[in-house]
Amino acid sequence: MDLEPRLLRYFLAVAQELHFGRAAARLYISQPSLSNQIHKLEHTLGTDLFVRTSRQVALTPAGRALLEEAPLALGALERAAERARLAGAGIAGTVRLGYAPMAGYETLGAILTAVEHDSPNVTVVASELFSSEIPGRVLAGEQDIGLALFPEPMRGVRSRPLRMEPLALLAGRHHRLVGTDPVPVASLENETLLLFPRELAPGYYDRVIAACEQSGFHPEVRAFTDPPPQAMVARLRTTREVGLPPASFAYHSAAADPGVVARKIVQPEITAQWSILWPARAQSEAIVRFLESARRCSDENGWLSLPVPDG
């Protein structure tokens, strides 16, 4: 059925005025023309919408039903047209974002706030993935943007450092090391490090091992099999192991959970690099605007100058 929005608008005017003359004046058309258009709509629907007498105009049951639905239909059309206009102007659309778990506690929130400020009509659909998965998902077109720790280079995927931050010690509040601040890496020699399995975040894992070897020892590592970050916090609360997550996650966790404590790591300081990734092929305007907002967020927060979090 080819139902023209213009005919629905004419119908609404008559239904609201219940007078063809007043409705025609309101629409700036002649009364005969309006009557012809209403007849056309009734013919399209196969039913009368109005009862017409010399004294009054009244809605039929079909007319009352259409009066309930027509404003919703016209509103949906107007919203669709507006979304299309905004998308064409680069200020609307959907961005699928894949982010590594530990970005979700500070970095991700700041980026989403910046995107919402700059492009309130852009919808971000965020999915938690591990850093090793993200480049391949972006290349395959399953994600539009990635936020990963030390992502592996991949042809067809572009990346840019977005944030540098130190790793920090996270341990149960009764652990022997929490009485020291900052904690030298050499102090970890006889500790068991609780880390993601290397295959989930190889760059992060290798950075930790290299720092320990630089301090003269090869660490004992336990790769926890239940990888969500809060599983790490729960485990550290009840074991003698220690974690070395990004500082933003460590201090957030310590503030939220009195069972764990965060401490700075030094000699050497171990840094984590968050990178933003996007496909090398042509991007939508929504993706371009997302990238611009993320870069502005990085600049305004000084994320590439290694700010030291408050303990």
Protein backbone atom coordinates (compact mmCIF):
# COMPACT_ATOMS: atom_id res chain seq x y z
CA MET A 1 0.00 0.00 0.00
CA ASP A 2 1.45 3.33 -1.10
CA LEU A 3 0.39 5.71 1.67
CA GLU A 4 1.73 9.22 1.20
CA PRO A 5 2.74 11.14 4.37
CA ARG A 6 1.14 14.24 2.82
CA LEU A 7 -2.26 12.53 2.85
CA LEU A 8 -1.87 11.65 6.52
CA ARG A 9 -1.14 15.29 7.31
CA TYR A 10 -4.27 16.35 5.43
CA PHE A 11 -6.28 13.75 7.31
CA LEU A 12 -4.98 14.96 10.68
CA ALA A 13 -5.93 18.55 9.90
CA VAL A 14 -9.53 17.56 9.06
CA ALA A 15 -9.73 15.15 12.01
CA GLN A 16 -8.60 17.85 14.41
CA GLU A 17 -10.76 20.63 12.99
CA LEU A 18 -13.78 18.44 12.01
CA HIS A 19 -14.40 21.11 9.38
CA PHE A 20 -13.10 21.00 5.81
CA GLY A 21 -13.08 24.78 5.37
CA ARG A 22 -11.02 25.48 8.50
CA ALA A 23 -8.68 22.56 7.74
CA ALA A 24 -8.14 23.84 4.18
CA ALA A 25 -7.32 27.33 5.47
CA ARG A 26 -4.88 25.84 7.97
CA LEU A 27 -3.16 23.87 5.19
CA TYR A 28 -3.18 26.81 2.72
CA ILE A 29 -5.02 24.81 0.04
CA SER A 30 -8.51 25.09 -1.40
CA GLN A 31 -11.39 23.21 0.17
CA PRO A 32 -12.19 21.23 -3.03
CA SER A 33 -8.56 20.17 -3.30
CA LEU A 34 -8.55 19.02 0.33
CA SER A 35 -11.77 17.04 -0.22
CA ASN A 36 -10.22 15.35 -3.25
CA GLN A 37 -7.13 14.39 -1.24
CA ILE A 38 -9.21 12.90 1.58
CA HIS A 39 -11.22 10.90 -0.99
CA LYS A 40 -7.91 9.66 -2.41
CA LEU A 41 -6.78 8.52 1.05
CA GLU A 42 -10.11 6.76 1.69
CA HIS A 43 -9.84 5.02 -1.68
CA THR A 44 -6.29 3.87 -0.82
CA LEU A 45 -7.45 2.48 2.53
CA GLY A 46 -10.69 1.06 1.16
CA THR A 47 -12.85 2.63 3.86
CA ASP A 48 -14.53 5.90 4.77
CA LEU A 49 -12.76 8.02 7.37
CA PHE A 50 -15.40 10.72 7.85
CA VAL A 51 -19.18 10.95 7.99
CA ARG A 52 -20.08 14.13 6.09
CA THR A 53 -23.41 15.92 6.43
CA SER A 54 -24.45 19.46 5.60
CA ARG A 55 -24.10 20.37 9.26
CA GLN A 56 -21.09 18.45 10.55
CA VAL A 57 -18.10 16.25 9.90
CA ALA A 58 -17.48 13.28 12.19
CA LEU A 59 -14.93 10.49 12.31
CA THR A 60 -15.93 6.94 11.46
CA PRO A 61 -14.53 4.05 13.55
CA ALA A 62 -11.84 3.67 10.85
CA GLY A 63 -11.10 7.39 11.12
CA ARG A 64 -10.75 7.18 14.91
CA ALA A 65 -8.35 4.26 14.53
CA LEU A 66 -6.25 6.17 12.00
CA LEU A 67 -6.26 9.23 14.27
CA GLU A 68 -4.57 7.16 16.96
CA GLU A 69 -1.87 5.80 14.65
CA ALA A 70 -1.18 8.61 12.17
CA PRO A 71 0.77 10.89 14.56
CA LEU A 72 3.00 7.95 15.54
CA ALA A 73 3.64 7.07 11.89
CA LEU A 74 4.46 10.65 10.93
CA GLY A 75 6.66 11.04 14.00
CA ALA A 76 8.61 7.90 13.06
CA LEU A 77 9.11 9.20 9.52
CA GLU A 78 10.33 12.55 10.80
CA ARG A 79 12.76 10.88 13.22
CA ALA A 80 14.07 8.65 10.45
CA ALA A 81 14.58 11.64 8.17
CA GLU A 82 16.35 13.57 10.92
CA ARG A 83 18.65 10.64 11.71
CA ALA A 84 19.50 10.31 8.02
CA ARG A 85 20.24 14.04 7.82
CA LEU A 86 22.47 13.90 10.90
CA ALA A 87 24.25 10.79 9.65
CA GLY A 88 24.90 12.46 6.32
CA ALA A 89 26.36 15.43 8.15
CA GLY A 90 28.62 13.12 10.14
CA ILE A 91 26.98 13.74 13.49
CA ALA A 92 24.96 10.53 13.87
CA GLY A 93 25.37 6.83 13.36
CA THR A 94 26.47 3.77 15.27
CA VAL A 95 30.04 2.89 16.24
CA ARG A 96 30.86 -0.65 17.40
CA LEU A 97 33.67 -0.42 19.94
CA GLY A 98 35.74 -3.36 21.18
CA TYR A 99 37.73 -2.59 24.33
CA ALA A 100 40.11 -4.53 26.56
CA PRO A 101 38.63 -5.25 30.01
CA MET A 102 40.83 -2.99 32.13
CA ALA A 103 40.03 0.05 29.99
CA GLY A 104 36.49 -0.05 31.33
CA TYR A 105 37.28 1.53 34.69
CA GLU A 106 38.50 5.00 33.64
CA THR A 107 39.78 5.26 30.08
CA LEU A 108 36.61 4.04 28.39
CA GLY A 109 34.36 6.24 30.50
CA ALA A 110 36.33 9.38 29.67
CA ILE A 111 36.25 8.60 25.94
CA LEU A 112 32.51 7.91 25.91
CA THR A 113 31.88 11.16 27.78
CA ALA A 114 33.87 13.05 25.14
CA VAL A 115 31.98 11.36 22.29
CA GLU A 116 28.63 12.12 23.94
CA HIS A 117 29.64 15.78 24.33
CA ASP A 118 30.85 16.15 20.74
CA SER A 119 28.32 13.93 18.93
CA PRO A 120 25.25 13.23 21.06
CA ASN A 121 23.53 11.48 18.13
CA VAL A 122 26.30 8.91 17.73
CA THR A 123 25.38 5.59 19.36
CA VAL A 124 28.31 3.55 20.73
CA VAL A 125 27.83 -0.19 21.12
CA ALA A 126 30.68 -1.33 23.37
CA SER A 127 31.88 -4.94 23.67
CA GLU A 128 34.50 -6.29 26.07
CA LEU A 129 37.23 -8.22 24.22
CA PHE A 130 40.82 -9.17 24.95
CA SER A 131 43.61 -7.13 23.39
CA SER A 132 44.77 -10.02 21.21
CA GLU A 133 41.31 -10.32 19.62
CA ILE A 134 40.71 -6.68 18.82
CA PRO A 135 42.87 -6.06 15.69
CA GLY A 136 41.39 -9.08 13.93
CA ARG A 137 37.85 -8.04 14.82
CA VAL A 138 38.49 -4.55 13.41
CA LEU A 139 40.01 -5.97 10.23
CA ALA A 140 37.06 -8.34 9.76
CA GLY A 141 34.60 -5.46 10.08
CA GLU A 142 33.07 -6.85 13.27
CA GLN A 143 34.21 -3.79 15.25
CA ASP A 144 34.59 -0.22 14.00
CA ILE A 145 37.00 0.95 16.71
CA GLY A 146 39.29 -0.91 19.10
CA LEU A 147 40.89 0.05 22.41
CA ALA A 148 43.67 -2.35 23.29
CA LEU A 149 46.82 -2.81 25.39
CA PHE A 150 49.90 -3.14 23.18
CA PRO A 151 47.96 -4.39 20.12
CA GLU A 152 49.88 -6.46 17.60
CA PRO A 153 50.40 -4.62 14.27
CA MET A 154 48.11 -5.90 11.53
CA ARG A 155 47.99 -4.94 7.86
CA GLY A 156 44.73 -3.17 7.12
CA VAL A 157 44.35 -1.82 10.66
CA ARG A 158 45.62 1.57 11.76
CA SER A 159 46.48 2.42 15.35
CA ARG A 160 47.60 5.35 17.42
CA PRO A 161 48.79 5.50 21.06
CA LEU A 162 46.04 7.02 23.14
CA ARG A 163 47.26 6.65 26.72
CA MET A 164 50.45 5.77 28.53
CA GLU A 165 50.05 4.86 32.18
CA PRO A 166 52.13 2.99 34.76
CA LEU A 167 51.29 -0.44 36.01
CA ALA A 168 50.69 -0.67 39.75
CA LEU A 169 50.87 -3.36 42.40
CA LEU A 170 47.51 -4.71 43.54
CA ALA A 171 47.48 -7.06 46.52
CA GLY A 172 45.38 -8.16 49.46
CA ARG A 173 45.44 -5.69 52.34
CA HIS A 174 47.43 -8.09 54.56
CA HIS A 175 50.15 -8.75 51.99
CA ARG A 176 53.66 -7.94 53.15
CA LEU A 177 54.34 -5.56 50.24
CA VAL A 178 51.49 -3.13 50.94
CA GLY A 179 53.50 -1.61 53.77
CA THR A 180 55.95 -0.27 51.17
CA ASP A 181 55.16 2.57 48.79
CA PRO A 182 56.49 2.69 46.15
CA VAL A 183 57.38 -0.96 45.62
CA PRO A 184 60.61 -1.76 43.70
CA VAL A 185 60.23 -4.45 41.05
CA ALA A 186 63.07 -6.38 42.74
CA SER A 187 60.75 -6.87 45.74
CA LEU A 188 58.60 -9.15 43.58
CA GLU A 189 61.32 -11.80 43.21
CA ASN A 190 59.76 -14.25 45.66
CA GLU A 191 56.17 -13.42 44.79
CA THR A 192 53.69 -15.12 42.48
CA LEU A 193 52.38 -12.72 39.83
CA LEU A 194 48.77 -13.13 38.83
CA LEU A 195 48.55 -12.20 35.13
CA PHE A 196 46.31 -12.70 32.14
CA PRO A 197 47.40 -15.69 30.05
CA ARG A 198 49.97 -14.39 27.55
CA GLU A 199 47.81 -15.21 24.53
CA LEU A 200 45.14 -12.73 25.67
CA ALA A 201 47.48 -9.72 25.96
CA PRO A 202 50.99 -10.66 24.79
CA GLY A 203 52.44 -7.13 24.78
CA TYR A 204 51.33 -6.48 28.36
CA TYR A 205 52.57 -9.87 29.56
CA ASP A 206 55.98 -9.49 27.91
CA ARG A 207 56.43 -5.99 29.35
CA VAL A 208 55.99 -7.33 32.89
CA ILE A 209 58.39 -10.25 32.35
CA ALA A 210 61.02 -7.95 30.81
CA ALA A 211 60.89 -5.56 33.79
CA CYS A 212 61.41 -8.43 36.22
CA GLU A 213 64.33 -9.81 34.22
CA GLN A 214 65.83 -6.32 34.11
CA SER A 215 65.74 -6.45 37.92
CA GLY A 216 67.66 -9.75 37.95
CA PHE A 217 65.04 -12.47 38.28
CA HIS A 218 62.49 -14.43 36.27
CA PRO A 219 59.12 -14.19 38.01
CA GLU A 220 56.84 -16.97 39.01
CA VAL A 221 53.62 -16.39 37.10
CA ARG A 222 50.16 -17.79 37.60
CA ALA A 223 47.84 -17.16 34.66
CA PHE A 224 44.34 -17.09 36.11
CA THR A 225 41.84 -19.07 34.10
CA ASP A 226 38.83 -16.85 34.83
CA PRO A 227 40.00 -13.66 33.11
CA PRO A 228 37.44 -10.90 33.90
CA PRO A 229 39.25 -8.19 35.88
CA GLN A 230 36.98 -8.50 38.91
CA ALA A 231 37.97 -12.17 39.12
CA MET A 232 41.54 -10.95 39.63
CA VAL A 233 40.45 -8.64 42.45
CA ALA A 234 38.47 -11.39 44.16
CA ARG A 235 41.41 -13.75 43.96
CA LEU A 236 43.94 -11.23 45.26
CA ARG A 237 41.70 -10.54 48.23
CA THR A 238 42.08 -14.13 49.44
CA THR A 239 45.53 -15.28 48.21
CA ARG A 240 49.18 -14.26 48.62
CA GLU A 241 49.52 -13.52 44.90
CA VAL A 242 50.00 -10.00 43.54
CA GLY A 243 48.66 -8.36 40.39
CA LEU A 244 50.26 -5.75 38.15
CA PRO A 245 47.34 -4.12 36.31
CA PRO A 246 47.28 -0.63 34.78
CA ALA A 247 47.26 1.98 37.54
CA SER A 248 43.84 3.37 36.63
CA PHE A 249 42.32 -0.06 37.26
CA ALA A 250 44.43 -0.76 40.36
CA TYR A 251 43.53 2.46 42.17
CA HIS A 252 39.89 2.23 41.15
CA SER A 253 39.71 -1.31 42.54
CA ALA A 254 41.44 -0.33 45.79
CA ALA A 255 39.04 2.59 46.29
CA ALA A 256 36.03 0.35 45.71
CA ASP A 257 37.20 -2.70 47.69
CA PRO A 258 38.82 -2.38 51.15
CA GLY A 259 40.14 -5.91 50.76
CA VAL A 260 42.84 -4.85 48.27
CA VAL A 261 45.51 -2.17 48.24
CA ALA A 262 47.26 -0.45 45.30
CA ARG A 263 50.88 0.69 45.38
CA LYS A 264 53.18 2.35 42.84
CA ILE A 265 55.78 0.21 41.10
CA VAL A 266 59.28 1.62 40.51
CA GLN A 267 62.85 0.66 39.55
CA PRO A 268 61.81 0.33 36.81
CA GLU A 269 58.40 1.85 36.34
CA ILE A 270 56.46 -0.46 34.01
CA THR A 271 54.29 1.39 31.53
CA ALA A 272 51.15 0.25 29.75
CA GLN A 273 50.23 1.65 26.36
CA TRP A 274 46.61 1.88 25.32
CA SER A 275 46.10 2.28 21.59
CA ILE A 276 43.04 3.12 19.56
CA LEU A 277 42.55 1.08 16.38
CA TRP A 278 40.42 1.58 13.29
CA PRO A 279 40.18 0.07 9.79
CA ALA A 280 42.52 1.45 7.13
CA ARG A 281 39.70 1.31 4.58
CA ALA A 282 37.23 4.19 4.27
CA GLN A 283 35.48 5.00 7.54
CA SER A 284 32.03 6.40 8.19
CA GLU A 285 31.70 9.96 9.40
CA ALA A 286 30.62 8.60 12.80
CA ILE A 287 33.93 6.70 13.11
CA VAL A 288 35.92 9.77 12.10
CA ARG A 289 34.14 11.86 14.71
CA PHE A 290 34.68 9.19 17.36
CA LEU A 291 38.41 9.19 16.63
CA GLU A 292 38.54 12.97 16.84
CA SER A 293 36.79 12.94 20.21
CA ALA A 294 39.09 10.21 21.55
CA ARG A 295 42.18 12.14 20.50
CA ARG A 296 40.85 15.33 22.10
CA CYS A 297 40.11 13.38 25.28
CA SER A 298 43.68 12.07 25.30
CA ASP A 299 45.14 15.55 24.82
CA GLU A 300 42.95 17.20 27.45
CA ASN A 301 43.71 14.53 30.04
CA GLY A 302 47.45 14.46 29.27
CA TRP A 303 47.26 10.72 28.73
CA LEU A 304 50.48 10.56 26.75
CA SER A 305 52.48 12.32 29.45
CA LEU A 306 52.25 9.51 32.04
CA PRO A 307 50.30 11.24 34.82
CA VAL A 308 50.83 9.56 38.18
CA PRO A 309 47.53 8.57 39.87
CA ASP A 310 46.86 9.60 43.44
CA GLY A 311 47.18 6.79 45.91
